[in-house]
Amino acid sequence: MAKPSPPTPDAAHHEVRSANALHRDELTSSVVSTPIGPLLVATTERGVVRVAFATEGVEPVVTELVDRLRPDRLIADDETKHEAVDHLAMAEAQLREYFAGRLQAFTVPIDDALSSGFYLEVRQALRQVPFGTTTTYTALAERLGRPKAVRAVGTGCSGNPIPVIVPCHRVTRADGSLGGYRGGAPAKAILQALETDALR
C-alpha cells in the first residue's frame, strides 16, 4: 500500500473526536488489474470504502482517505489477522471473478463512510439494480420518492466512491445515452457490455 505518514500513536489515541467524526481502526489498499485499467481498492475493518480509477491517482486517493478516515493503522496488504486485509482479499477475488464474467453479485462488505444523506440513499439504491440491466437517473429518483431530484441522483452516481462494486455504471440518461461516469464513458460502456455478454 502506498503510505503517507501514518498518525502517531498519541494522535490516534488521545485526539478528542466529535461524535460525528469519521474514524477507522484499519486502512489498507492494493491495485487490481482489470479490463478498464488498474483499480485502486481500499478497505477498512468494516469493508470496501473506496475504488478509484487510474486517472484519480493512487497517492492522492490514499492521502484523502487517511485525512478523512484518520485510521489508527495503515496496514500492508500482505499482513494477516486484520479485518481490513480480509476484506481486501475478498474484494480482489470478487473483482477478478466479475471481470471474468463469473460473478453477478458482490458480497464483500461495504463501508459507507464516504457517503451520507441523500447521496447515501442513492448509492444504496444502486446496489438493487440487477446485473446486466440498466435504469435511468429519472427512474432512480422516482424509486427514491424524489422525482424532482434527478440532478441530485446524477451527482450521487458520479460521486460514487465505490464504482463497479456499487454499480453506478448501470444508470443511464432517459434518452438512452450513457451519461457521466467517474472512470470515463468508455469504461462505463465496457462494464455494461461485459454484463450483457455474461448473460448470453
N, C-alpha and C. Protein backbone atom coordinates (compact mmCIF):
# COMPACT_ATOMS: atom_id res chain seq x y z
N MET A 1 0.84 -1.20 0.00
CA MET A 1 0.00 0.00 0.00
C MET A 1 0.87 1.24 0.00
N ALA A 2 0.50 2.22 -0.81
CA ALA A 2 1.20 3.50 -0.78
C ALA A 2 0.86 4.19 0.53
N LYS A 3 1.88 4.55 1.31
CA LYS A 3 1.63 5.02 2.67
C LYS A 3 2.13 6.43 2.92
N PRO A 4 1.22 7.40 3.06
CA PRO A 4 1.62 8.68 3.61
C PRO A 4 1.98 8.46 5.07
N SER A 5 2.56 9.45 5.71
CA SER A 5 2.93 9.30 7.11
C SER A 5 1.69 8.99 7.95
N PRO A 6 1.70 7.86 8.68
CA PRO A 6 0.52 7.49 9.47
C PRO A 6 0.39 8.35 10.70
N PRO A 7 -0.81 8.37 11.30
CA PRO A 7 -0.99 9.12 12.53
C PRO A 7 -0.10 8.56 13.62
N THR A 8 0.41 9.40 14.48
CA THR A 8 1.22 8.93 15.59
C THR A 8 0.32 8.26 16.61
N PRO A 9 0.85 7.36 17.46
CA PRO A 9 0.02 6.74 18.49
C PRO A 9 -0.68 7.76 19.36
N ASP A 10 0.04 8.84 19.72
CA ASP A 10 -0.58 9.86 20.57
C ASP A 10 -1.77 10.49 19.87
N ALA A 11 -1.59 10.81 18.58
CA ALA A 11 -2.69 11.44 17.85
C ALA A 11 -3.86 10.49 17.72
N ALA A 12 -3.55 9.20 17.50
CA ALA A 12 -4.61 8.23 17.29
C ALA A 12 -5.42 7.98 18.54
N HIS A 13 -4.76 7.98 19.70
CA HIS A 13 -5.44 7.57 20.92
C HIS A 13 -5.86 8.72 21.83
N HIS A 14 -5.28 9.90 21.65
CA HIS A 14 -5.59 10.99 22.56
C HIS A 14 -6.34 12.13 21.90
N GLU A 15 -6.53 12.04 20.58
CA GLU A 15 -7.26 13.10 19.90
C GLU A 15 -8.71 13.09 20.37
N VAL A 16 -9.25 14.25 20.63
CA VAL A 16 -10.65 14.36 21.02
C VAL A 16 -11.48 14.47 19.75
N ARG A 17 -12.32 13.46 19.51
CA ARG A 17 -13.12 13.42 18.29
C ARG A 17 -14.58 13.70 18.63
N SER A 18 -15.26 14.42 17.74
CA SER A 18 -16.69 14.64 17.94
C SER A 18 -17.42 13.35 17.64
N ALA A 19 -18.68 13.28 18.07
CA ALA A 19 -19.47 12.06 17.89
C ALA A 19 -19.65 11.74 16.41
N ASN A 20 -19.62 12.76 15.55
CA ASN A 20 -19.85 12.54 14.13
C ASN A 20 -18.57 12.41 13.32
N ALA A 21 -17.42 12.49 13.96
CA ALA A 21 -16.16 12.43 13.23
C ALA A 21 -15.94 11.04 12.66
N LEU A 22 -15.43 10.99 11.42
CA LEU A 22 -15.09 9.71 10.83
C LEU A 22 -13.82 9.19 11.47
N HIS A 23 -13.81 7.91 11.73
CA HIS A 23 -12.59 7.29 12.25
C HIS A 23 -12.66 5.80 11.99
N ARG A 24 -11.55 5.23 11.52
CA ARG A 24 -11.47 3.80 11.32
C ARG A 24 -10.19 3.29 11.99
N ASP A 25 -10.24 2.05 12.44
CA ASP A 25 -9.07 1.45 13.08
C ASP A 25 -8.01 1.07 12.07
N GLU A 26 -8.45 0.54 10.92
CA GLU A 26 -7.51 -0.01 9.94
C GLU A 26 -7.83 0.50 8.54
N LEU A 27 -6.78 0.66 7.74
CA LEU A 27 -6.94 1.01 6.33
C LEU A 27 -5.84 0.32 5.54
N THR A 28 -6.23 -0.35 4.46
CA THR A 28 -5.25 -0.97 3.57
C THR A 28 -5.73 -0.82 2.14
N SER A 29 -4.85 -1.07 1.18
CA SER A 29 -5.26 -0.94 -0.22
C SER A 29 -4.31 -1.71 -1.12
N SER A 30 -4.77 -1.95 -2.33
CA SER A 30 -3.93 -2.56 -3.36
C SER A 30 -4.49 -2.15 -4.71
N VAL A 31 -3.75 -2.44 -5.76
CA VAL A 31 -4.18 -2.11 -7.12
C VAL A 31 -4.48 -3.41 -7.86
N VAL A 32 -5.66 -3.48 -8.47
CA VAL A 32 -6.11 -4.66 -9.19
C VAL A 32 -6.14 -4.35 -10.69
N SER A 33 -5.54 -5.20 -11.50
CA SER A 33 -5.57 -5.03 -12.95
C SER A 33 -6.92 -5.50 -13.49
N THR A 34 -7.54 -4.69 -14.34
CA THR A 34 -8.85 -5.03 -14.90
C THR A 34 -8.92 -4.59 -16.36
N PRO A 35 -9.94 -5.03 -17.09
CA PRO A 35 -10.10 -4.60 -18.49
C PRO A 35 -10.36 -3.10 -18.65
N ILE A 36 -10.72 -2.41 -17.57
CA ILE A 36 -10.93 -0.96 -17.65
C ILE A 36 -9.77 -0.21 -17.01
N GLY A 37 -8.65 -0.89 -16.88
CA GLY A 37 -7.47 -0.27 -16.30
C GLY A 37 -7.29 -0.66 -14.85
N PRO A 38 -6.15 -0.29 -14.27
CA PRO A 38 -5.91 -0.62 -12.86
C PRO A 38 -6.88 0.10 -11.93
N LEU A 39 -7.38 -0.63 -10.94
CA LEU A 39 -8.29 -0.05 -9.96
C LEU A 39 -7.64 -0.11 -8.58
N LEU A 40 -7.60 1.02 -7.90
CA LEU A 40 -7.17 1.03 -6.51
C LEU A 40 -8.37 0.61 -5.66
N VAL A 41 -8.16 -0.39 -4.82
CA VAL A 41 -9.21 -0.85 -3.91
C VAL A 41 -8.74 -0.61 -2.49
N ALA A 42 -9.51 0.12 -1.71
CA ALA A 42 -9.16 0.42 -0.32
C ALA A 42 -10.23 -0.13 0.60
N THR A 43 -9.78 -0.74 1.70
CA THR A 43 -10.71 -1.34 2.64
C THR A 43 -10.36 -0.94 4.08
N THR A 44 -11.38 -1.00 4.92
CA THR A 44 -11.22 -0.80 6.36
C THR A 44 -11.69 -2.06 7.06
N GLU A 45 -11.72 -2.01 8.37
CA GLU A 45 -12.21 -3.16 9.12
C GLU A 45 -13.70 -3.39 8.88
N ARG A 46 -14.38 -2.42 8.27
CA ARG A 46 -15.82 -2.57 8.01
C ARG A 46 -16.13 -3.04 6.59
N GLY A 47 -15.19 -2.87 5.66
CA GLY A 47 -15.43 -3.31 4.30
C GLY A 47 -14.76 -2.41 3.28
N VAL A 48 -15.19 -2.52 2.02
CA VAL A 48 -14.62 -1.70 0.94
C VAL A 48 -15.10 -0.26 1.12
N VAL A 49 -14.15 0.66 1.16
CA VAL A 49 -14.50 2.07 1.37
C VAL A 49 -14.27 2.91 0.12
N ARG A 50 -13.41 2.41 -0.80
CA ARG A 50 -13.08 3.21 -1.98
C ARG A 50 -12.58 2.32 -3.10
N VAL A 51 -13.03 2.60 -4.31
CA VAL A 51 -12.47 2.04 -5.53
C VAL A 51 -12.16 3.23 -6.43
N ALA A 52 -10.93 3.33 -6.90
CA ALA A 52 -10.52 4.50 -7.67
C ALA A 52 -9.89 4.09 -8.99
N PHE A 53 -10.14 4.90 -10.01
CA PHE A 53 -9.57 4.67 -11.33
C PHE A 53 -8.16 5.25 -11.41
N ALA A 54 -7.41 4.78 -12.39
CA ALA A 54 -6.02 5.22 -12.55
C ALA A 54 -5.92 6.73 -12.71
N THR A 55 -6.92 7.32 -13.37
CA THR A 55 -6.89 8.77 -13.61
C THR A 55 -6.97 9.57 -12.31
N GLU A 56 -7.45 8.94 -11.24
CA GLU A 56 -7.55 9.65 -9.96
C GLU A 56 -6.23 9.65 -9.20
N GLY A 57 -5.35 8.70 -9.51
CA GLY A 57 -4.04 8.64 -8.87
C GLY A 57 -4.08 7.91 -7.54
N VAL A 58 -3.10 7.05 -7.31
CA VAL A 58 -3.06 6.29 -6.06
C VAL A 58 -2.77 7.19 -4.87
N GLU A 59 -1.69 7.96 -4.96
CA GLU A 59 -1.27 8.79 -3.82
C GLU A 59 -2.34 9.79 -3.39
N PRO A 60 -2.95 10.54 -4.33
CA PRO A 60 -3.98 11.49 -3.89
C PRO A 60 -5.16 10.82 -3.21
N VAL A 61 -5.57 9.65 -3.72
CA VAL A 61 -6.72 8.96 -3.13
C VAL A 61 -6.38 8.45 -1.73
N VAL A 62 -5.22 7.82 -1.58
CA VAL A 62 -4.83 7.30 -0.27
C VAL A 62 -4.66 8.44 0.73
N THR A 63 -4.06 9.53 0.28
CA THR A 63 -3.87 10.68 1.17
C THR A 63 -5.22 11.22 1.64
N GLU A 64 -6.18 11.31 0.71
CA GLU A 64 -7.52 11.79 1.08
C GLU A 64 -8.19 10.84 2.07
N LEU A 65 -8.02 9.53 1.85
CA LEU A 65 -8.62 8.56 2.76
C LEU A 65 -8.04 8.68 4.17
N VAL A 66 -6.74 8.84 4.25
CA VAL A 66 -6.10 8.99 5.56
C VAL A 66 -6.61 10.26 6.25
N ASP A 67 -6.75 11.32 5.46
CA ASP A 67 -7.22 12.59 6.02
C ASP A 67 -8.66 12.50 6.52
N ARG A 68 -9.51 11.79 5.77
CA ARG A 68 -10.93 11.74 6.12
C ARG A 68 -11.25 10.66 7.15
N LEU A 69 -10.56 9.52 7.07
CA LEU A 69 -10.89 8.41 7.96
C LEU A 69 -10.02 8.36 9.21
N ARG A 70 -8.89 9.01 9.17
CA ARG A 70 -7.96 9.06 10.30
C ARG A 70 -7.73 7.69 10.94
N PRO A 71 -7.28 6.72 10.14
CA PRO A 71 -7.11 5.37 10.68
C PRO A 71 -5.99 5.30 11.71
N ASP A 72 -6.17 4.42 12.69
CA ASP A 72 -5.12 4.20 13.67
C ASP A 72 -3.93 3.49 13.05
N ARG A 73 -4.22 2.63 12.05
CA ARG A 73 -3.14 1.85 11.44
C ARG A 73 -3.30 1.80 9.94
N LEU A 74 -2.19 2.00 9.22
CA LEU A 74 -2.13 1.73 7.78
C LEU A 74 -1.46 0.37 7.63
N ILE A 75 -2.17 -0.57 7.05
CA ILE A 75 -1.73 -1.96 7.06
C ILE A 75 -1.29 -2.39 5.67
N ALA A 76 -0.17 -3.07 5.59
CA ALA A 76 0.28 -3.63 4.31
C ALA A 76 -0.70 -4.70 3.87
N ASP A 77 -0.89 -4.82 2.54
CA ASP A 77 -1.92 -5.75 2.06
C ASP A 77 -1.55 -7.21 2.25
N ASP A 78 -0.31 -7.50 2.68
CA ASP A 78 0.07 -8.90 2.91
C ASP A 78 0.13 -9.25 4.40
N GLU A 79 -0.26 -8.32 5.26
CA GLU A 79 -0.33 -8.64 6.68
C GLU A 79 -1.53 -9.55 6.94
N THR A 80 -1.46 -10.31 8.01
CA THR A 80 -2.55 -11.23 8.33
C THR A 80 -3.22 -10.81 9.63
N LYS A 81 -4.34 -11.46 9.91
CA LYS A 81 -5.09 -11.24 11.15
C LYS A 81 -5.61 -9.80 11.28
N HIS A 82 -6.02 -9.25 10.14
CA HIS A 82 -6.64 -7.93 10.15
C HIS A 82 -7.89 -7.99 9.28
N GLU A 83 -8.99 -7.47 9.79
CA GLU A 83 -10.24 -7.50 9.03
C GLU A 83 -10.12 -6.72 7.73
N ALA A 84 -9.40 -5.60 7.75
CA ALA A 84 -9.25 -4.81 6.53
C ALA A 84 -8.57 -5.63 5.43
N VAL A 85 -7.56 -6.41 5.80
CA VAL A 85 -6.86 -7.24 4.82
C VAL A 85 -7.76 -8.36 4.31
N ASP A 86 -8.56 -8.94 5.21
CA ASP A 86 -9.51 -9.98 4.79
C ASP A 86 -10.51 -9.41 3.78
N HIS A 87 -11.01 -8.21 4.05
CA HIS A 87 -11.96 -7.59 3.13
C HIS A 87 -11.30 -7.26 1.80
N LEU A 88 -10.03 -6.85 1.85
CA LEU A 88 -9.32 -6.54 0.62
C LEU A 88 -9.15 -7.79 -0.23
N ALA A 89 -8.76 -8.89 0.38
CA ALA A 89 -8.59 -10.14 -0.36
C ALA A 89 -9.91 -10.59 -0.99
N MET A 90 -11.00 -10.41 -0.25
CA MET A 90 -12.32 -10.79 -0.76
C MET A 90 -12.71 -9.90 -1.94
N ALA A 91 -12.45 -8.60 -1.82
CA ALA A 91 -12.78 -7.67 -2.90
C ALA A 91 -11.96 -7.98 -4.15
N GLU A 92 -10.68 -8.23 -3.98
CA GLU A 92 -9.82 -8.55 -5.12
C GLU A 92 -10.32 -9.81 -5.84
N ALA A 93 -10.62 -10.84 -5.07
CA ALA A 93 -11.09 -12.10 -5.67
C ALA A 93 -12.41 -11.91 -6.41
N GLN A 94 -13.32 -11.15 -5.80
CA GLN A 94 -14.62 -10.95 -6.43
C GLN A 94 -14.52 -10.07 -7.67
N LEU A 95 -13.64 -9.09 -7.67
CA LEU A 95 -13.44 -8.27 -8.86
C LEU A 95 -12.90 -9.12 -10.02
N ARG A 96 -11.98 -10.01 -9.72
CA ARG A 96 -11.44 -10.88 -10.78
C ARG A 96 -12.54 -11.78 -11.34
N GLU A 97 -13.38 -12.32 -10.47
CA GLU A 97 -14.48 -13.17 -10.92
C GLU A 97 -15.49 -12.36 -11.73
N TYR A 98 -15.76 -11.15 -11.30
CA TYR A 98 -16.70 -10.29 -12.02
C TYR A 98 -16.20 -10.01 -13.43
N PHE A 99 -14.95 -9.60 -13.55
CA PHE A 99 -14.42 -9.26 -14.87
C PHE A 99 -14.23 -10.49 -15.75
N ALA A 100 -14.21 -11.67 -15.14
CA ALA A 100 -14.16 -12.91 -15.93
C ALA A 100 -15.56 -13.36 -16.33
N GLY A 101 -16.58 -12.62 -15.91
CA GLY A 101 -17.96 -12.95 -16.27
C GLY A 101 -18.58 -14.04 -15.42
N ARG A 102 -17.96 -14.33 -14.27
CA ARG A 102 -18.44 -15.43 -13.44
C ARG A 102 -19.12 -14.97 -12.15
N LEU A 103 -19.19 -13.67 -11.92
CA LEU A 103 -19.80 -13.15 -10.69
C LEU A 103 -20.81 -12.07 -11.04
N GLN A 104 -22.03 -12.21 -10.53
CA GLN A 104 -23.07 -11.24 -10.82
C GLN A 104 -23.42 -10.36 -9.63
N ALA A 105 -23.07 -10.78 -8.43
CA ALA A 105 -23.42 -10.00 -7.24
C ALA A 105 -22.24 -9.99 -6.27
N PHE A 106 -21.77 -8.81 -5.93
CA PHE A 106 -20.69 -8.68 -4.95
C PHE A 106 -21.25 -8.88 -3.55
N THR A 107 -20.54 -9.66 -2.75
CA THR A 107 -20.96 -9.89 -1.37
C THR A 107 -19.95 -9.36 -0.36
N VAL A 108 -18.86 -8.77 -0.85
CA VAL A 108 -17.89 -8.18 0.06
C VAL A 108 -18.57 -7.06 0.84
N PRO A 109 -18.31 -6.94 2.15
CA PRO A 109 -18.93 -5.85 2.93
C PRO A 109 -18.55 -4.47 2.39
N ILE A 110 -19.48 -3.54 2.52
CA ILE A 110 -19.27 -2.16 2.07
C ILE A 110 -19.17 -1.25 3.29
N ASP A 111 -18.19 -0.36 3.27
CA ASP A 111 -18.07 0.68 4.30
C ASP A 111 -18.54 1.99 3.67
N ASP A 112 -19.68 2.49 4.13
CA ASP A 112 -20.28 3.70 3.55
C ASP A 112 -19.77 4.98 4.19
N ALA A 113 -18.56 4.96 4.73
CA ALA A 113 -18.04 6.13 5.44
C ALA A 113 -18.02 7.39 4.60
N LEU A 114 -17.86 7.26 3.29
CA LEU A 114 -17.71 8.43 2.43
C LEU A 114 -19.04 8.88 1.81
N SER A 115 -20.13 8.29 2.24
CA SER A 115 -21.45 8.67 1.73
C SER A 115 -22.35 9.06 2.90
N SER A 116 -23.24 10.02 2.65
CA SER A 116 -24.17 10.43 3.70
C SER A 116 -25.41 11.06 3.08
N GLY A 117 -26.44 11.22 3.88
CA GLY A 117 -27.65 11.90 3.44
C GLY A 117 -28.28 11.26 2.22
N PHE A 118 -28.78 12.10 1.32
CA PHE A 118 -29.47 11.61 0.13
C PHE A 118 -28.52 10.83 -0.78
N TYR A 119 -27.25 11.23 -0.82
CA TYR A 119 -26.29 10.51 -1.66
C TYR A 119 -26.10 9.07 -1.17
N LEU A 120 -26.17 8.86 0.13
CA LEU A 120 -26.10 7.50 0.66
C LEU A 120 -27.32 6.70 0.20
N GLU A 121 -28.49 7.34 0.22
CA GLU A 121 -29.70 6.66 -0.26
C GLU A 121 -29.55 6.26 -1.72
N VAL A 122 -28.99 7.16 -2.53
CA VAL A 122 -28.78 6.86 -3.95
C VAL A 122 -27.87 5.65 -4.10
N ARG A 123 -26.78 5.63 -3.36
CA ARG A 123 -25.80 4.55 -3.52
C ARG A 123 -26.31 3.23 -2.98
N GLN A 124 -27.17 3.28 -1.98
CA GLN A 124 -27.80 2.05 -1.51
C GLN A 124 -28.79 1.54 -2.55
N ALA A 125 -29.49 2.46 -3.22
CA ALA A 125 -30.43 2.06 -4.27
C ALA A 125 -29.70 1.46 -5.47
N LEU A 126 -28.51 1.95 -5.75
CA LEU A 126 -27.73 1.42 -6.87
C LEU A 126 -27.46 -0.07 -6.70
N ARG A 127 -27.30 -0.51 -5.47
CA ARG A 127 -26.99 -1.92 -5.21
C ARG A 127 -28.16 -2.83 -5.54
N GLN A 128 -29.34 -2.24 -5.72
CA GLN A 128 -30.53 -3.02 -6.04
C GLN A 128 -30.78 -3.13 -7.54
N VAL A 129 -29.97 -2.45 -8.36
CA VAL A 129 -30.14 -2.53 -9.81
C VAL A 129 -29.50 -3.84 -10.27
N PRO A 130 -30.28 -4.75 -10.86
CA PRO A 130 -29.77 -6.08 -11.18
C PRO A 130 -28.63 -6.09 -12.20
N PHE A 131 -27.78 -7.06 -12.08
CA PHE A 131 -26.68 -7.31 -13.01
C PHE A 131 -27.23 -7.42 -14.43
N GLY A 132 -26.56 -6.79 -15.38
CA GLY A 132 -26.95 -6.92 -16.77
C GLY A 132 -28.12 -6.07 -17.19
N THR A 133 -28.62 -5.22 -16.29
CA THR A 133 -29.73 -4.33 -16.63
C THR A 133 -29.29 -2.89 -16.43
N THR A 134 -30.10 -1.98 -16.92
CA THR A 134 -29.84 -0.56 -16.67
C THR A 134 -31.13 0.11 -16.22
N THR A 135 -30.97 1.22 -15.55
CA THR A 135 -32.09 2.08 -15.19
C THR A 135 -31.69 3.49 -15.55
N THR A 136 -32.55 4.45 -15.31
CA THR A 136 -32.23 5.84 -15.63
C THR A 136 -32.16 6.67 -14.36
N TYR A 137 -31.53 7.83 -14.48
CA TYR A 137 -31.47 8.74 -13.34
C TYR A 137 -32.88 9.13 -12.91
N THR A 138 -33.76 9.32 -13.88
CA THR A 138 -35.14 9.68 -13.59
C THR A 138 -35.85 8.58 -12.82
N ALA A 139 -35.70 7.34 -13.29
CA ALA A 139 -36.35 6.21 -12.63
C ALA A 139 -35.81 6.01 -11.21
N LEU A 140 -34.52 6.23 -11.04
CA LEU A 140 -33.93 6.07 -9.72
C LEU A 140 -34.46 7.14 -8.76
N ALA A 141 -34.61 8.35 -9.26
CA ALA A 141 -35.16 9.43 -8.43
C ALA A 141 -36.59 9.09 -8.01
N GLU A 142 -37.36 8.56 -8.95
CA GLU A 142 -38.74 8.18 -8.64
C GLU A 142 -38.79 7.04 -7.62
N ARG A 143 -37.88 6.09 -7.77
CA ARG A 143 -37.83 4.96 -6.84
C ARG A 143 -37.52 5.43 -5.42
N LEU A 144 -36.75 6.50 -5.32
CA LEU A 144 -36.39 7.05 -4.01
C LEU A 144 -37.44 8.00 -3.46
N GLY A 145 -38.53 8.18 -4.21
CA GLY A 145 -39.59 9.07 -3.76
C GLY A 145 -39.26 10.54 -3.92
N ARG A 146 -38.27 10.83 -4.78
CA ARG A 146 -37.85 12.22 -5.02
C ARG A 146 -37.81 12.47 -6.52
N PRO A 147 -38.96 12.45 -7.20
CA PRO A 147 -38.96 12.54 -8.67
C PRO A 147 -38.32 13.80 -9.24
N LYS A 148 -38.25 14.87 -8.45
CA LYS A 148 -37.65 16.10 -8.94
C LYS A 148 -36.14 16.17 -8.66
N ALA A 149 -35.61 15.13 -8.03
CA ALA A 149 -34.20 15.15 -7.63
C ALA A 149 -33.30 14.43 -8.63
N VAL A 150 -33.64 14.51 -9.90
CA VAL A 150 -32.86 13.79 -10.92
C VAL A 150 -31.41 14.27 -10.94
N ARG A 151 -31.21 15.58 -10.85
CA ARG A 151 -29.85 16.12 -10.86
C ARG A 151 -29.05 15.63 -9.65
N ALA A 152 -29.70 15.60 -8.49
CA ALA A 152 -29.03 15.12 -7.28
C ALA A 152 -28.69 13.64 -7.39
N VAL A 153 -29.57 12.88 -8.03
CA VAL A 153 -29.28 11.46 -8.26
C VAL A 153 -28.05 11.32 -9.16
N GLY A 154 -27.98 12.15 -10.20
CA GLY A 154 -26.82 12.12 -11.08
C GLY A 154 -25.54 12.45 -10.34
N THR A 155 -25.61 13.42 -9.44
CA THR A 155 -24.44 13.78 -8.65
C THR A 155 -24.05 12.64 -7.71
N GLY A 156 -25.06 11.98 -7.13
CA GLY A 156 -24.79 10.85 -6.25
C GLY A 156 -24.13 9.70 -6.99
N CYS A 157 -24.52 9.51 -8.24
CA CYS A 157 -23.91 8.45 -9.05
C CYS A 157 -22.49 8.82 -9.47
N SER A 158 -22.31 10.04 -9.96
CA SER A 158 -20.99 10.44 -10.46
C SER A 158 -19.96 10.52 -9.33
N GLY A 159 -20.43 10.79 -8.11
CA GLY A 159 -19.52 10.87 -6.98
C GLY A 159 -19.41 9.58 -6.19
N ASN A 160 -20.00 8.51 -6.70
CA ASN A 160 -19.97 7.21 -6.02
C ASN A 160 -18.52 6.82 -5.71
N PRO A 161 -18.17 6.65 -4.43
CA PRO A 161 -16.77 6.34 -4.09
C PRO A 161 -16.37 4.88 -4.32
N ILE A 162 -17.36 4.02 -4.65
CA ILE A 162 -17.05 2.60 -4.80
C ILE A 162 -17.60 2.09 -6.14
N PRO A 163 -17.16 2.68 -7.27
CA PRO A 163 -17.66 2.24 -8.57
C PRO A 163 -17.34 0.77 -8.82
N VAL A 164 -18.05 0.19 -9.76
CA VAL A 164 -18.01 -1.22 -10.14
C VAL A 164 -18.72 -2.06 -9.08
N ILE A 165 -18.23 -2.05 -7.85
CA ILE A 165 -18.86 -2.84 -6.79
C ILE A 165 -20.23 -2.27 -6.44
N VAL A 166 -20.33 -0.97 -6.34
CA VAL A 166 -21.62 -0.28 -6.24
C VAL A 166 -21.90 0.23 -7.65
N PRO A 167 -22.82 -0.42 -8.38
CA PRO A 167 -22.87 -0.31 -9.85
C PRO A 167 -23.54 0.93 -10.44
N CYS A 168 -22.91 2.07 -10.27
CA CYS A 168 -23.45 3.29 -10.89
C CYS A 168 -23.35 3.23 -12.41
N HIS A 169 -22.56 2.28 -12.94
CA HIS A 169 -22.45 2.15 -14.40
C HIS A 169 -23.75 1.62 -15.02
N ARG A 170 -24.68 1.18 -14.19
CA ARG A 170 -25.96 0.66 -14.69
C ARG A 170 -27.03 1.75 -14.82
N VAL A 171 -26.64 3.00 -14.61
CA VAL A 171 -27.59 4.11 -14.70
C VAL A 171 -27.26 4.95 -15.92
N THR A 172 -28.27 5.21 -16.75
CA THR A 172 -28.08 5.97 -17.98
C THR A 172 -29.06 7.15 -18.01
N ARG A 173 -28.90 7.97 -19.02
CA ARG A 173 -29.84 9.07 -19.21
C ARG A 173 -31.15 8.55 -19.78
N ALA A 174 -32.19 9.36 -19.68
CA ALA A 174 -33.51 8.96 -20.15
C ALA A 174 -33.53 8.72 -21.66
N ASP A 175 -32.63 9.38 -22.40
CA ASP A 175 -32.60 9.20 -23.86
C ASP A 175 -31.77 7.98 -24.28
N GLY A 176 -31.28 7.24 -23.29
CA GLY A 176 -30.51 6.03 -23.59
C GLY A 176 -29.01 6.24 -23.69
N SER A 177 -28.57 7.49 -23.69
CA SER A 177 -27.12 7.74 -23.74
C SER A 177 -26.49 7.41 -22.39
N LEU A 178 -25.19 7.20 -22.40
CA LEU A 178 -24.51 6.68 -21.21
C LEU A 178 -24.58 7.61 -20.01
N GLY A 179 -24.40 8.89 -20.22
CA GLY A 179 -24.28 9.80 -19.08
C GLY A 179 -22.87 9.77 -18.54
N GLY A 180 -22.62 10.56 -17.52
CA GLY A 180 -21.28 10.68 -16.97
C GLY A 180 -20.86 9.44 -16.19
N TYR A 181 -19.54 9.32 -16.00
CA TYR A 181 -19.01 8.21 -15.22
C TYR A 181 -17.63 8.58 -14.72
N ARG A 182 -17.37 8.26 -13.48
CA ARG A 182 -16.10 8.63 -12.85
C ARG A 182 -14.90 8.08 -13.62
N GLY A 183 -15.05 6.91 -14.19
CA GLY A 183 -13.96 6.28 -14.94
C GLY A 183 -13.96 6.60 -16.41
N GLY A 184 -14.91 7.45 -16.86
CA GLY A 184 -15.00 7.81 -18.27
C GLY A 184 -16.03 6.97 -19.00
N ALA A 185 -16.59 7.53 -20.06
CA ALA A 185 -17.63 6.84 -20.83
C ALA A 185 -17.18 5.49 -21.39
N PRO A 186 -15.94 5.37 -21.91
CA PRO A 186 -15.52 4.06 -22.43
C PRO A 186 -15.56 2.96 -21.37
N ALA A 187 -15.15 3.27 -20.16
CA ALA A 187 -15.18 2.28 -19.08
C ALA A 187 -16.62 1.88 -18.76
N LYS A 188 -17.51 2.85 -18.75
CA LYS A 188 -18.92 2.57 -18.47
C LYS A 188 -19.50 1.65 -19.53
N ALA A 189 -19.17 1.91 -20.79
CA ALA A 189 -19.66 1.07 -21.89
C ALA A 189 -19.11 -0.35 -21.79
N ILE A 190 -17.85 -0.48 -21.42
CA ILE A 190 -17.23 -1.80 -21.28
C ILE A 190 -17.93 -2.60 -20.18
N LEU A 191 -18.23 -1.96 -19.06
CA LEU A 191 -18.88 -2.65 -17.95
C LEU A 191 -20.29 -3.11 -18.35
N GLN A 192 -21.02 -2.26 -19.03
CA GLN A 192 -22.36 -2.65 -19.46
C GLN A 192 -22.30 -3.81 -20.45
N ALA A 193 -21.35 -3.75 -21.38
CA ALA A 193 -21.21 -4.82 -22.38
C ALA A 193 -20.77 -6.12 -21.72
N LEU A 194 -19.87 -6.03 -20.76
CA LEU A 194 -19.41 -7.23 -20.04
C LEU A 194 -20.58 -7.96 -19.40
N GLU A 195 -21.47 -7.20 -18.76
CA GLU A 195 -22.60 -7.81 -18.07
C GLU A 195 -23.61 -8.39 -19.06
N THR A 196 -23.85 -7.66 -20.14
CA THR A 196 -24.78 -8.17 -21.16
C THR A 196 -24.26 -9.47 -21.76
N ASP A 197 -22.97 -9.50 -22.07
CA ASP A 197 -22.37 -10.70 -22.65
C ASP A 197 -22.41 -11.88 -21.68
N ALA A 198 -22.22 -11.60 -20.39
CA ALA A 198 -22.20 -12.67 -19.40
C ALA A 198 -23.55 -13.36 -19.27
N LEU A 199 -24.62 -12.66 -19.63
CA LEU A 199 -25.97 -13.22 -19.51
C LEU A 199 -26.39 -14.01 -20.75
N ARG A 200 -25.59 -13.95 -21.80
CA ARG A 200 -25.95 -14.65 -23.04
C ARG A 200 -25.63 -16.13 -22.94
